[in-house]
Each structure stands twice: as structure tokens, then as C-alpha cells.
Amino acid sequence: MFDHLDHNGPVWTDGDQSVDVIIWCTGFRPALSHLAPLRLRAPDGIIHTVGTRAIPGMHLLGYGDWTGPASATLIGVGPTARAAVTDLATHLIPS
């Protein structure tokens, strides 16, 4: 687990910031206070997403009302997870 987040992403205790992507599975009650330094929340208090992407390279699986039926189960989250992986692959793998 990383030590904290800053505007460049996660920071490990040794100061390393080597990371390409963050996928944060938020669970039933999203605990997102650790993301506060990234200033992702809009004035309405919501972290707005496009699909699962909050910002390039950061996806919040299980966050928001778009997750779909049974998204709290492994079967139900499957379509959302596949969409996130497709987006991440596009972001990480040059065309």
C-alpha cells in the first residue's frame, strides 16, 4: 500500500512514484477521503466520472450510480470492470 497521494499519484514511503494506473474498488460505502489532496470533488461534493474514470489513469470501480444491477457481486461488476480495463489498455498501450 502506498503512503499517500499527491497531484502526481501515489507516493510510497521511499518517495517512489512509479505507477501507471490506479484502480480503487470503492466498495459499498466509498471511503475516498484519502483522495482529497487530488481535489477531485466538484463544488457539489461529487467526484464526477466518465464511465469509471475520474481522471486519466484513475478509475473508481463501484463508485456512483452507473455501476449497474448486482454491481456489488463479482458477476455484476464484470461489465464495469471490463470497460475499465479496455479504457486503461487504451491509455497504457500506444497505438
PDB file of N, CA and C in Angstrom:
ATOM      1  N   MET A   1       0.845  -1.181   0.000  1.00  0.00           N
ATOM      2  CA  MET A   1       0.000   0.000   0.000  1.00  0.00           C
ATOM      3  C   MET A   1       0.884   1.235   0.000  1.00  0.00           C
ATOM      4  N   PHE A   2       0.499   2.223  -0.764  1.00  0.00           N
ATOM      5  CA  PHE A   2       1.259   3.468  -0.807  1.00  0.00           C
ATOM      6  C   PHE A   2       1.070   4.260   0.477  1.00  0.00           C
ATOM      7  N   ASP A   3       1.954   5.224   0.692  1.00  0.00           N
ATOM      8  CA  ASP A   3       1.922   6.035   1.906  1.00  0.00           C
ATOM      9  C   ASP A   3       0.882   7.146   1.823  1.00  0.00           C
ATOM     10  N   HIS A   4       0.848   7.853   0.693  1.00  0.00           N
ATOM     11  CA  HIS A   4      -0.119   8.933   0.496  1.00  0.00           C
ATOM     12  C   HIS A   4      -0.211   9.265  -0.987  1.00  0.00           C
ATOM     13  N   LEU A   5      -1.165  10.122  -1.326  1.00  0.00           N
ATOM     14  CA  LEU A   5      -1.345  10.580  -2.705  1.00  0.00           C
ATOM     15  C   LEU A   5      -0.987  12.050  -2.798  1.00  0.00           C
ATOM     16  N   ASP A   6      -0.397  12.429  -3.933  1.00  0.00           N
ATOM     17  CA  ASP A   6      -0.242  13.847  -4.239  1.00  0.00           C
ATOM     18  C   ASP A   6      -0.717  14.058  -5.671  1.00  0.00           C
ATOM     19  N   HIS A   7      -0.515  15.237  -6.234  1.00  0.00           N
ATOM     20  CA  HIS A   7      -1.054  15.529  -7.571  1.00  0.00           C
ATOM     21  C   HIS A   7      -0.436  14.667  -8.669  1.00  0.00           C
ATOM     22  N   ASN A   8       0.665  13.973  -8.407  1.00  0.00           N
ATOM     23  CA  ASN A   8       1.279  13.077  -9.389  1.00  0.00           C
ATOM     24  C   ASN A   8       0.876  11.623  -9.197  1.00  0.00           C
ATOM     25  N   GLY A   9       0.105  11.335  -8.142  1.00  0.00           N
ATOM     26  CA  GLY A   9      -0.328   9.972  -7.883  1.00  0.00           C
ATOM     27  C   GLY A   9       0.163   9.465  -6.552  1.00  0.00           C
ATOM     28  N   PRO A  10       0.227   8.121  -6.390  1.00  0.00           N
ATOM     29  CA  PRO A  10       0.628   7.553  -5.108  1.00  0.00           C
ATOM     30  C   PRO A  10       2.111   7.746  -4.838  1.00  0.00           C
ATOM     31  N   VAL A  11       2.435   7.892  -3.560  1.00  0.00           N
ATOM     32  CA  VAL A  11       3.825   8.035  -3.129  1.00  0.00           C
ATOM     33  C   VAL A  11       4.093   6.946  -2.091  1.00  0.00           C
ATOM     34  N   TRP A  12       5.097   6.122  -2.347  1.00  0.00           N
ATOM     35  CA  TRP A  12       5.485   5.098  -1.389  1.00  0.00           C
ATOM     36  C   TRP A  12       6.403   5.717  -0.343  1.00  0.00           C
ATOM     37  N   THR A  13       6.640   5.006   0.754  1.00  0.00           N
ATOM     38  CA  THR A  13       7.426   5.550   1.861  1.00  0.00           C
ATOM     39  C   THR A  13       8.835   5.936   1.440  1.00  0.00           C
ATOM     40  N   ASP A  14       9.371   5.308   0.391  1.00  0.00           N
ATOM     41  CA  ASP A  14      10.717   5.667  -0.076  1.00  0.00           C
ATOM     42  C   ASP A  14      10.698   6.824  -1.077  1.00  0.00           C
ATOM     43  N   GLY A  15       9.515   7.392  -1.319  1.00  0.00           N
ATOM     44  CA  GLY A  15       9.384   8.515  -2.239  1.00  0.00           C
ATOM     45  C   GLY A  15       9.126   8.131  -3.682  1.00  0.00           C
ATOM     46  N   ASP A  16       9.185   6.838  -3.984  1.00  0.00           N
ATOM     47  CA  ASP A  16       8.954   6.364  -5.350  1.00  0.00           C
ATOM     48  C   ASP A  16       7.525   6.680  -5.777  1.00  0.00           C
ATOM     49  N   GLN A  17       7.349   7.063  -7.038  1.00  0.00           N
ATOM     50  CA  GLN A  17       6.010   7.325  -7.582  1.00  0.00           C
ATOM     51  C   GLN A  17       5.780   6.566  -8.876  1.00  0.00           C
ATOM     52  N   SER A  18       6.446   5.420  -9.032  1.00  0.00           N
ATOM     53  CA  SER A  18       6.301   4.628 -10.247  1.00  0.00           C
ATOM     54  C   SER A  18       4.948   3.930 -10.279  1.00  0.00           C
ATOM     55  N   VAL A  19       4.057   4.436 -11.094  1.00  0.00           N
ATOM     56  CA  VAL A  19       2.737   3.828 -11.251  1.00  0.00           C
ATOM     57  C   VAL A  19       2.155   4.312 -12.573  1.00  0.00           C
ATOM     58  N   ASP A  20       1.430   3.450 -13.228  1.00  0.00           N
ATOM     59  CA  ASP A  20       0.766   3.825 -14.469  1.00  0.00           C
ATOM     60  C   ASP A  20      -0.703   4.115 -14.255  1.00  0.00           C
ATOM     61  N   VAL A  21      -1.336   3.369 -13.360  1.00  0.00           N
ATOM     62  CA  VAL A  21      -2.781   3.435 -13.197  1.00  0.00           C
ATOM     63  C   VAL A  21      -3.141   3.132 -11.750  1.00  0.00           C
ATOM     64  N   ILE A  22      -4.230   3.753 -11.297  1.00  0.00           N
ATOM     65  CA  ILE A  22      -4.809   3.401 -10.002  1.00  0.00           C
ATOM     66  C   ILE A  22      -6.223   2.922 -10.268  1.00  0.00           C
ATOM     67  N   ILE A  23      -6.556   1.732  -9.758  1.00  0.00           N
ATOM     68  CA  ILE A  23      -7.934   1.240  -9.780  1.00  0.00           C
ATOM     69  C   ILE A  23      -8.327   1.102  -8.316  1.00  0.00           C
ATOM     70  N   TRP A  24      -9.262   1.904  -7.888  1.00  0.00           N
ATOM     71  CA  TRP A  24      -9.682   1.870  -6.486  1.00  0.00           C
ATOM     72  C   TRP A  24     -11.082   1.296  -6.431  1.00  0.00           C
ATOM     73  N   CYS A  25     -11.226   0.111  -5.898  1.00  0.00           N
ATOM     74  CA  CYS A  25     -12.532  -0.524  -5.763  1.00  0.00           C
ATOM     75  C   CYS A  25     -13.167   0.023  -4.497  1.00  0.00           C
ATOM     76  N   THR A  26     -14.191   0.846  -4.665  1.00  0.00           N
ATOM     77  CA  THR A  26     -14.693   1.658  -3.563  1.00  0.00           C
ATOM     78  C   THR A  26     -15.564   0.913  -2.575  1.00  0.00           C
ATOM     79  N   GLY A  27     -16.178  -0.179  -2.963  1.00  0.00           N
ATOM     80  CA  GLY A  27     -16.988  -0.947  -2.026  1.00  0.00           C
ATOM     81  C   GLY A  27     -18.365  -0.357  -1.804  1.00  0.00           C
ATOM     82  N   PHE A  28     -19.050  -0.868  -0.780  1.00  0.00           N
ATOM     83  CA  PHE A  28     -20.428  -0.461  -0.510  1.00  0.00           C
ATOM     84  C   PHE A  28     -20.532   0.990  -0.082  1.00  0.00           C
ATOM     85  N   ARG A  29     -19.628   1.431   0.752  1.00  0.00           N
ATOM     86  CA  ARG A  29     -19.614   2.815   1.229  1.00  0.00           C
ATOM     87  C   ARG A  29     -18.265   3.407   0.862  1.00  0.00           C
ATOM     88  N   PRO A  30     -18.212   4.167  -0.208  1.00  0.00           N
ATOM     89  CA  PRO A  30     -16.916   4.675  -0.661  1.00  0.00           C
ATOM     90  C   PRO A  30     -16.194   5.464   0.424  1.00  0.00           C
ATOM     91  N   ALA A  31     -14.975   5.063   0.702  1.00  0.00           N
ATOM     92  CA  ALA A  31     -14.095   5.787   1.616  1.00  0.00           C
ATOM     93  C   ALA A  31     -13.061   6.482   0.743  1.00  0.00           C
ATOM     94  N   LEU A  32     -13.338   7.715   0.410  1.00  0.00           N
ATOM     95  CA  LEU A  32     -12.498   8.423  -0.554  1.00  0.00           C
ATOM     96  C   LEU A  32     -11.770   9.628   0.037  1.00  0.00           C
ATOM     97  N   SER A  33     -11.775   9.770   1.344  1.00  0.00           N
ATOM     98  CA  SER A  33     -11.143  10.948   1.957  1.00  0.00           C
ATOM     99  C   SER A  33      -9.655  11.020   1.652  1.00  0.00           C
ATOM    100  N   HIS A  34      -9.013   9.876   1.454  1.00  0.00           N
ATOM    101  CA  HIS A  34      -7.587   9.869   1.126  1.00  0.00           C
ATOM    102  C   HIS A  34      -7.306  10.478  -0.246  1.00  0.00           C
ATOM    103  N   LEU A  35      -8.346  10.655  -1.066  1.00  0.00           N
ATOM    104  CA  LEU A  35      -8.177  11.268  -2.381  1.00  0.00           C
ATOM    105  C   LEU A  35      -8.279  12.795  -2.328  1.00  0.00           C
ATOM    106  N   ALA A  36      -8.576  13.347  -1.167  1.00  0.00           N
ATOM    107  CA  ALA A  36      -8.769  14.800  -1.024  1.00  0.00           C
ATOM    108  C   ALA A  36      -7.623  15.624  -1.600  1.00  0.00           C
ATOM    109  N   PRO A  37      -6.336  15.228  -1.419  1.00  0.00           N
ATOM    110  CA  PRO A  37      -5.255  16.042  -1.981  1.00  0.00           C
ATOM    111  C   PRO A  37      -5.317  16.181  -3.506  1.00  0.00           C
ATOM    112  N   LEU A  38      -6.033  15.286  -4.163  1.00  0.00           N
ATOM    113  CA  LEU A  38      -6.141  15.350  -5.625  1.00  0.00           C
ATOM    114  C   LEU A  38      -7.212  16.330  -6.082  1.00  0.00           C
ATOM    115  N   ARG A  39      -8.028  16.805  -5.148  1.00  0.00           N
ATOM    116  CA  ARG A  39      -9.085  17.786  -5.434  1.00  0.00           C
ATOM    117  C   ARG A  39      -9.997  17.333  -6.576  1.00  0.00           C
ATOM    118  N   LEU A  40     -10.469  16.116  -6.462  1.00  0.00           N
ATOM    119  CA  LEU A  40     -11.339  15.542  -7.484  1.00  0.00           C
ATOM    120  C   LEU A  40     -12.795  15.948  -7.315  1.00  0.00           C
ATOM    121  N   ARG A  41     -13.182  16.316  -6.122  1.00  0.00           N
ATOM    122  CA  ARG A  41     -14.592  16.630  -5.864  1.00  0.00           C
ATOM    123  C   ARG A  41     -14.984  17.959  -6.505  1.00  0.00           C
ATOM    124  N   ALA A  42     -16.116  17.939  -7.168  1.00  0.00           N
ATOM    125  CA  ALA A  42     -16.691  19.149  -7.764  1.00  0.00           C
ATOM    126  C   ALA A  42     -17.353  19.961  -6.641  1.00  0.00           C
ATOM    127  N   PRO A  43     -17.756  21.201  -6.925  1.00  0.00           N
ATOM    128  CA  PRO A  43     -18.429  22.001  -5.896  1.00  0.00           C
ATOM    129  C   PRO A  43     -19.657  21.324  -5.289  1.00  0.00           C
ATOM    130  N   ASP A  44     -20.283  20.411  -6.034  1.00  0.00           N
ATOM    131  CA  ASP A  44     -21.456  19.710  -5.494  1.00  0.00           C
ATOM    132  C   ASP A  44     -21.065  18.550  -4.579  1.00  0.00           C
ATOM    133  N   GLY A  45     -19.756  18.340  -4.369  1.00  0.00           N
ATOM    134  CA  GLY A  45     -19.276  17.299  -3.469  1.00  0.00           C
ATOM    135  C   GLY A  45     -19.087  15.943  -4.113  1.00  0.00           C
ATOM    136  N   ILE A  46     -19.419  15.832  -5.391  1.00  0.00           N
ATOM    137  CA  ILE A  46     -19.339  14.554  -6.105  1.00  0.00           C
ATOM    138  C   ILE A  46     -18.049  14.496  -6.911  1.00  0.00           C
ATOM    139  N   ILE A  47     -17.469  13.304  -6.971  1.00  0.00           N
ATOM    140  CA  ILE A  47     -16.361  13.076  -7.900  1.00  0.00           C
ATOM    141  C   ILE A  47     -17.005  12.622  -9.202  1.00  0.00           C
ATOM    142  N   HIS A  48     -16.984  13.474 -10.191  1.00  0.00           N
ATOM    143  CA  HIS A  48     -17.616  13.142 -11.466  1.00  0.00           C
ATOM    144  C   HIS A  48     -16.698  12.224 -12.267  1.00  0.00           C
ATOM    145  N   THR A  49     -17.297  11.249 -12.910  1.00  0.00           N
ATOM    146  CA  THR A  49     -16.544  10.277 -13.679  1.00  0.00           C
ATOM    147  C   THR A  49     -17.085  10.185 -15.099  1.00  0.00           C
ATOM    148  N   VAL A  50     -16.239   9.696 -15.978  1.00  0.00           N
ATOM    149  CA  VAL A  50     -16.650   9.305 -17.321  1.00  0.00           C
ATOM    150  C   VAL A  50     -16.503   7.794 -17.326  1.00  0.00           C
ATOM    151  N   GLY A  51     -17.622   7.096 -17.287  1.00  0.00           N
ATOM    152  CA  GLY A  51     -17.562   5.653 -17.050  1.00  0.00           C
ATOM    153  C   GLY A  51     -17.024   5.448 -15.646  1.00  0.00           C
ATOM    154  N   THR A  52     -15.898   4.776 -15.544  1.00  0.00           N
ATOM    155  CA  THR A  52     -15.263   4.579 -14.243  1.00  0.00           C
ATOM    156  C   THR A  52     -14.087   5.530 -14.022  1.00  0.00           C
ATOM    157  N   ARG A  53     -13.701   6.282 -15.062  1.00  0.00           N
ATOM    158  CA  ARG A  53     -12.510   7.136 -14.987  1.00  0.00           C
ATOM    159  C   ARG A  53     -12.810   8.460 -14.298  1.00  0.00           C
ATOM    160  N   ALA A  54     -12.086   8.718 -13.209  1.00  0.00           N
ATOM    161  CA  ALA A  54     -12.196  10.004 -12.517  1.00  0.00           C
ATOM    162  C   ALA A  54     -11.264  11.019 -13.173  1.00  0.00           C
ATOM    163  N   ILE A  55     -10.045  10.602 -13.438  1.00  0.00           N
ATOM    164  CA  ILE A  55      -9.044  11.383 -14.171  1.00  0.00           C
ATOM    165  C   ILE A  55      -8.240  10.366 -14.975  1.00  0.00           C
ATOM    166  N   PRO A  56      -7.511  10.783 -15.994  1.00  0.00           N
ATOM    167  CA  PRO A  56      -6.725   9.805 -16.750  1.00  0.00           C
ATOM    168  C   PRO A  56      -5.827   8.988 -15.809  1.00  0.00           C
ATOM    169  N   GLY A  57      -5.943   7.675 -15.923  1.00  0.00           N
ATOM    170  CA  GLY A  57      -5.131   6.791 -15.104  1.00  0.00           C
ATOM    171  C   GLY A  57      -5.713   6.471 -13.738  1.00  0.00           C
ATOM    172  N   MET A  58      -6.906   6.987 -13.416  1.00  0.00           N
ATOM    173  CA  MET A  58      -7.544   6.660 -12.136  1.00  0.00           C
ATOM    174  C   MET A  58      -8.997   6.311 -12.371  1.00  0.00           C
ATOM    175  N   HIS A  59      -9.334   5.077 -12.032  1.00  0.00           N
ATOM    176  CA  HIS A  59     -10.697   4.582 -12.176  1.00  0.00           C
ATOM    177  C   HIS A  59     -11.251   4.228 -10.807  1.00  0.00           C
ATOM    178  N   LEU A  60     -12.520   4.525 -10.601  1.00  0.00           N
ATOM    179  CA  LEU A  60     -13.204   4.213  -9.347  1.00  0.00           C
ATOM    180  C   LEU A  60     -14.277   3.168  -9.625  1.00  0.00           C
ATOM    181  N   LEU A  61     -13.951   1.906  -9.418  1.00  0.00           N
ATOM    182  CA  LEU A  61     -14.918   0.842  -9.655  1.00  0.00           C
ATOM    183  C   LEU A  61     -15.868   0.757  -8.471  1.00  0.00           C
ATOM    184  N   GLY A  62     -17.162   0.772  -8.746  1.00  0.00           N
ATOM    185  CA  GLY A  62     -18.171   0.685  -7.705  1.00  0.00           C
ATOM    186  C   GLY A  62     -18.623   2.037  -7.192  1.00  0.00           C
ATOM    187  N   TYR A  63     -18.140   3.111  -7.759  1.00  0.00           N
ATOM    188  CA  TYR A  63     -18.497   4.453  -7.305  1.00  0.00           C
ATOM    189  C   TYR A  63     -19.604   5.013  -8.188  1.00  0.00           C
ATOM    190  N   GLY A  64     -20.528   5.724  -7.605  1.00  0.00           N
ATOM    191  CA  GLY A  64     -21.572   6.377  -8.385  1.00  0.00           C
ATOM    192  C   GLY A  64     -22.770   5.482  -8.631  1.00  0.00           C
ATOM    193  N   ASP A  65     -23.738   6.003  -9.369  1.00  0.00           N
ATOM    194  CA  ASP A  65     -24.968   5.256  -9.617  1.00  0.00           C
ATOM    195  C   ASP A  65     -24.970   4.550 -10.968  1.00  0.00           C
ATOM    196  N   TRP A  66     -23.863   4.554 -11.671  1.00  0.00           N
ATOM    197  CA  TRP A  66     -23.777   3.969 -13.004  1.00  0.00           C
ATOM    198  C   TRP A  66     -23.317   2.524 -12.982  1.00  0.00           C
ATOM    199  N   THR A  67     -23.054   1.959 -11.808  1.00  0.00           N
ATOM    200  CA  THR A  67     -22.429   0.651 -11.746  1.00  0.00           C
ATOM    201  C   THR A  67     -23.317  -0.478 -12.242  1.00  0.00           C
ATOM    202  N   GLY A  68     -24.605  -0.304 -12.210  1.00  0.00           N
ATOM    203  CA  GLY A  68     -25.489  -1.296 -12.793  1.00  0.00           C
ATOM    204  C   GLY A  68     -25.985  -2.329 -11.799  1.00  0.00           C
ATOM    205  N   PRO A  69     -26.912  -3.195 -12.281  1.00  0.00           N
ATOM    206  CA  PRO A  69     -27.511  -4.203 -11.416  1.00  0.00           C
ATOM    207  C   PRO A  69     -26.467  -5.175 -10.875  1.00  0.00           C
ATOM    208  N   ALA A  70     -26.594  -5.516  -9.619  1.00  0.00           N
ATOM    209  CA  ALA A  70     -25.745  -6.517  -8.960  1.00  0.00           C
ATOM    210  C   ALA A  70     -24.264  -6.147  -8.979  1.00  0.00           C
ATOM    211  N   SER A  71     -23.945  -4.860  -9.067  1.00  0.00           N
ATOM    212  CA  SER A  71     -22.536  -4.462  -9.156  1.00  0.00           C
ATOM    213  C   SER A  71     -21.758  -4.759  -7.879  1.00  0.00           C
ATOM    214  N   ALA A  72     -22.456  -5.096  -6.794  1.00  0.00           N
ATOM    215  CA  ALA A  72     -21.769  -5.463  -5.557  1.00  0.00           C
ATOM    216  C   ALA A  72     -21.290  -6.917  -5.596  1.00  0.00           C
ATOM    217  N   THR A  73     -21.604  -7.630  -6.674  1.00  0.00           N
ATOM    218  CA  THR A  73     -21.159  -9.015  -6.812  1.00  0.00           C
ATOM    219  C   THR A  73     -20.085  -9.102  -7.882  1.00  0.00           C
ATOM    220  N   LEU A  74     -19.299 -10.174  -7.847  1.00  0.00           N
ATOM    221  CA  LEU A  74     -18.257 -10.344  -8.862  1.00  0.00           C
ATOM    222  C   LEU A  74     -18.855 -10.465 -10.260  1.00  0.00           C
ATOM    223  N   ILE A  75     -19.978 -11.163 -10.374  1.00  0.00           N
ATOM    224  CA  ILE A  75     -20.621 -11.306 -11.687  1.00  0.00           C
ATOM    225  C   ILE A  75     -21.172  -9.954 -12.148  1.00  0.00           C
ATOM    226  N   GLY A  76     -21.813  -9.238 -11.248  1.00  0.00           N
ATOM    227  CA  GLY A  76     -22.419  -7.959 -11.606  1.00  0.00           C
ATOM    228  C   GLY A  76     -21.424  -6.875 -11.961  1.00  0.00           C
ATOM    229  N   VAL A  77     -20.256  -6.879 -11.338  1.00  0.00           N
ATOM    230  CA  VAL A  77     -19.267  -5.841 -11.618  1.00  0.00           C
ATOM    231  C   VAL A  77     -18.467  -6.160 -12.885  1.00  0.00           C
ATOM    232  N   GLY A  78     -18.624  -7.359 -13.400  1.00  0.00           N
ATOM    233  CA  GLY A  78     -17.859  -7.780 -14.583  1.00  0.00           C
ATOM    234  C   GLY A  78     -17.893  -6.804 -15.752  1.00  0.00           C
ATOM    235  N   PRO A  79     -19.084  -6.383 -16.220  1.00  0.00           N
ATOM    236  CA  PRO A  79     -19.121  -5.457 -17.353  1.00  0.00           C
ATOM    237  C   PRO A  79     -18.411  -4.127 -17.054  1.00  0.00           C
ATOM    238  N   THR A  80     -18.579  -3.624 -15.842  1.00  0.00           N
ATOM    239  CA  THR A  80     -17.921  -2.376 -15.456  1.00  0.00           C
ATOM    240  C   THR A  80     -16.404  -2.560 -15.428  1.00  0.00           C
ATOM    241  N   ALA A  81     -15.963  -3.673 -14.872  1.00  0.00           N
ATOM    242  CA  ALA A  81     -14.527  -3.952 -14.797  1.00  0.00           C
ATOM    243  C   ALA A  81     -13.936  -4.106 -16.193  1.00  0.00           C
ATOM    244  N   ARG A  82     -14.642  -4.806 -17.085  1.00  0.00           N
ATOM    245  CA  ARG A  82     -14.149  -4.968 -18.461  1.00  0.00           C
ATOM    246  C   ARG A  82     -14.038  -3.618 -19.164  1.00  0.00           C
ATOM    247  N   ALA A  83     -15.022  -2.753 -18.959  1.00  0.00           N
ATOM    248  CA  ALA A  83     -14.973  -1.418 -19.577  1.00  0.00           C
ATOM    249  C   ALA A  83     -13.791  -0.616 -19.047  1.00  0.00           C
ATOM    250  N   ALA A  84     -13.527  -0.714 -17.743  1.00  0.00           N
ATOM    251  CA  ALA A  84     -12.388  -0.001 -17.159  1.00  0.00           C
ATOM    252  C   ALA A  84     -11.075  -0.526 -17.733  1.00  0.00           C
ATOM    253  N   VAL A  85     -10.948  -1.845 -17.848  1.00  0.00           N
ATOM    254  CA  VAL A  85      -9.720  -2.433 -18.388  1.00  0.00           C
ATOM    255  C   VAL A  85      -9.520  -2.013 -19.839  1.00  0.00           C
ATOM    256  N   THR A  86     -10.584  -1.974 -20.618  1.00  0.00           N
ATOM    257  CA  THR A  86     -10.476  -1.532 -22.009  1.00  0.00           C
ATOM    258  C   THR A  86      -9.965  -0.099 -22.070  1.00  0.00           C
ATOM    259  N   ASP A  87     -10.524   0.772 -21.234  1.00  0.00           N
ATOM    260  CA  ASP A  87     -10.085   2.168 -21.206  1.00  0.00           C
ATOM    261  C   ASP A  87      -8.625   2.259 -20.762  1.00  0.00           C
ATOM    262  N   LEU A  88      -8.259   1.501 -19.738  1.00  0.00           N
ATOM    263  CA  LEU A  88      -6.885   1.519 -19.248  1.00  0.00           C
ATOM    264  C   LEU A  88      -5.912   1.022 -20.300  1.00  0.00           C
ATOM    265  N   ALA A  89      -6.272  -0.050 -21.001  1.00  0.00           N
ATOM    266  CA  ALA A  89      -5.400  -0.584 -22.044  1.00  0.00           C
ATOM    267  C   ALA A  89      -5.175   0.455 -23.134  1.00  0.00           C
ATOM    268  N   THR A  90      -6.215   1.202 -23.475  1.00  0.00           N
ATOM    269  CA  THR A  90      -6.082   2.253 -24.475  1.00  0.00           C
ATOM    270  C   THR A  90      -5.134   3.342 -23.972  1.00  0.00           C
ATOM    271  N   HIS A  91      -5.217   3.650 -22.688  1.00  0.00           N
ATOM    272  CA  HIS A  91      -4.376   4.676 -22.071  1.00  0.00           C
ATOM    273  C   HIS A  91      -2.924   4.229 -21.973  1.00  0.00           C
ATOM    274  N   LEU A  92      -2.697   2.929 -21.695  1.00  0.00           N
ATOM    275  CA  LEU A  92      -1.353   2.435 -21.410  1.00  0.00           C
ATOM    276  C   LEU A  92      -0.602   1.908 -22.611  1.00  0.00           C
ATOM    277  N   ILE A  93      -1.340   1.356 -23.572  1.00  0.00           N
ATOM    278  CA  ILE A  93      -0.687   0.708 -24.709  1.00  0.00           C
ATOM    279  C   ILE A  93      -0.764   1.646 -25.904  1.00  0.00           C
ATOM    280  N   PRO A  94       0.413   2.138 -26.372  1.00  0.00           N
ATOM    281  CA  PRO A  94       0.388   3.060 -27.515  1.00  0.00           C
ATOM    282  C   PRO A  94      -0.175   2.384 -28.764  1.00  0.00           C
ATOM    283  N   SER A  95      -0.884   3.151 -29.555  1.00  0.00           N
ATOM    284  CA  SER A  95      -1.483   2.607 -30.787  1.00  0.00           C
ATOM    285  C   SER A  95      -0.429   2.358 -31.830  1.00  0.00           C
TER     286      SER A  95
END
